Amino acid sequence: LRGIHHQAKHLQPYLDEFTWRFNNRNNPNFFDILISSMMKEKATPIKLLNFYWGS
């Protein structure tokens, strides 16, 4: 693992993000889709994020 990807336990989220970015790299509506997706999702509670990331 190189760069900012330091722990193997976080590999799947990194791969998911990379795959999504790669699949949308030529999409002219990329920013609109990203913002729309963010607005449709419910906020994730900080406790759940801390649990997921092991903090």
C-alpha atoms as a PDB file:
ATOM      1  CA  LEU A   1       0.000   0.000   0.000  1.00  0.00           C
ATOM      2  CA  ARG A   2       1.386   3.378  -1.010  1.00  0.00           C
ATOM      3  CA  GLY A   3       0.523   7.005  -0.553  1.00  0.00           C
ATOM      4  CA  ILE A   4      -2.181   7.774   1.987  1.00  0.00           C
ATOM      5  CA  HIS A   5      -3.447   4.176   1.987  1.00  0.00           C
ATOM      6  CA  HIS A   6      -1.584   2.954   5.046  1.00  0.00           C
ATOM      7  CA  GLN A   7      -3.732   0.205   6.519  1.00  0.00           C
ATOM      8  CA  ALA A   8      -4.998  -2.879   4.750  1.00  0.00           C
ATOM      9  CA  LYS A   9      -8.212  -2.832   6.816  1.00  0.00           C
ATOM     10  CA  HIS A  10      -9.207   0.363   4.970  1.00  0.00           C
ATOM     11  CA  LEU A  11      -8.394  -1.021   1.536  1.00  0.00           C
ATOM     12  CA  GLN A  12     -11.987  -1.698   0.415  1.00  0.00           C
ATOM     13  CA  PRO A  13     -13.229   1.899   0.943  1.00  0.00           C
ATOM     14  CA  TYR A  14     -10.162   3.173  -0.954  1.00  0.00           C
ATOM     15  CA  LEU A  15     -10.837   0.770  -3.812  1.00  0.00           C
ATOM     16  CA  ASP A  16     -14.521   1.718  -3.882  1.00  0.00           C
ATOM     17  CA  GLU A  17     -13.644   5.407  -4.155  1.00  0.00           C
ATOM     18  CA  PHE A  18     -11.022   4.789  -6.836  1.00  0.00           C
ATOM     19  CA  THR A  19     -13.429   2.644  -8.851  1.00  0.00           C
ATOM     20  CA  TRP A  20     -16.197   5.244  -8.641  1.00  0.00           C
ATOM     21  CA  ARG A  21     -13.831   8.028  -9.715  1.00  0.00           C
ATOM     22  CA  PHE A  22     -12.430   5.940 -12.557  1.00  0.00           C
ATOM     23  CA  ASN A  23     -15.888   4.994 -13.829  1.00  0.00           C
ATOM     24  CA  ASN A  24     -16.970   8.652 -13.799  1.00  0.00           C
ATOM     25  CA  ARG A  25     -13.738  10.254 -15.045  1.00  0.00           C
ATOM     26  CA  ASN A  26     -15.212  11.340 -18.418  1.00  0.00           C
ATOM     27  CA  ASN A  27     -18.668  12.247 -17.171  1.00  0.00           C
ATOM     28  CA  PRO A  28     -19.382  15.947 -17.858  1.00  0.00           C
ATOM     29  CA  ASN A  29     -22.036  15.904 -15.112  1.00  0.00           C
ATOM     30  CA  PHE A  30     -19.659  14.499 -12.505  1.00  0.00           C
ATOM     31  CA  PHE A  31     -19.966  17.380 -10.053  1.00  0.00           C
ATOM     32  CA  ASP A  32     -23.768  17.544 -10.324  1.00  0.00           C
ATOM     33  CA  ILE A  33     -24.072  13.795  -9.739  1.00  0.00           C
ATOM     34  CA  LEU A  34     -21.713  13.962  -6.773  1.00  0.00           C
ATOM     35  CA  ILE A  35     -23.585  16.813  -5.076  1.00  0.00           C
ATOM     36  CA  SER A  36     -26.963  15.227  -5.810  1.00  0.00           C
ATOM     37  CA  SER A  37     -25.815  11.906  -4.330  1.00  0.00           C
ATOM     38  CA  MET A  38     -24.520  13.644  -1.213  1.00  0.00           C
ATOM     39  CA  MET A  39     -27.795  15.486  -0.686  1.00  0.00           C
ATOM     40  CA  LYS A  40     -29.918  12.329  -1.034  1.00  0.00           C
ATOM     41  CA  GLU A  41     -28.066  10.373   1.653  1.00  0.00           C
ATOM     42  CA  LYS A  42     -28.855  10.619   5.341  1.00  0.00           C
ATOM     43  CA  ALA A  43     -26.072  12.001   7.494  1.00  0.00           C
ATOM     44  CA  THR A  44     -23.955   9.351   9.182  1.00  0.00           C
ATOM     45  CA  PRO A  45     -23.695   9.825  12.965  1.00  0.00           C
ATOM     46  CA  ILE A  46     -20.166  10.507  14.204  1.00  0.00           C
ATOM     47  CA  LYS A  47     -20.353   7.512  16.567  1.00  0.00           C
ATOM     48  CA  LEU A  48     -20.924   5.200  13.618  1.00  0.00           C
ATOM     49  CA  LEU A  49     -18.047   6.768  11.699  1.00  0.00           C
ATOM     50  CA  ASN A  50     -15.761   6.387  14.704  1.00  0.00           C
ATOM     51  CA  PHE A  51     -16.804   2.750  15.081  1.00  0.00           C
ATOM     52  CA  TYR A  52     -16.225   2.049  11.391  1.00  0.00           C
ATOM     53  CA  TRP A  53     -12.822   3.741  11.284  1.00  0.00           C
ATOM     54  CA  GLY A  54     -11.739   2.308  14.635  1.00  0.00           C
ATOM     55  CA  SER A  55     -11.371   5.593  16.502  1.00  0.00           C
END
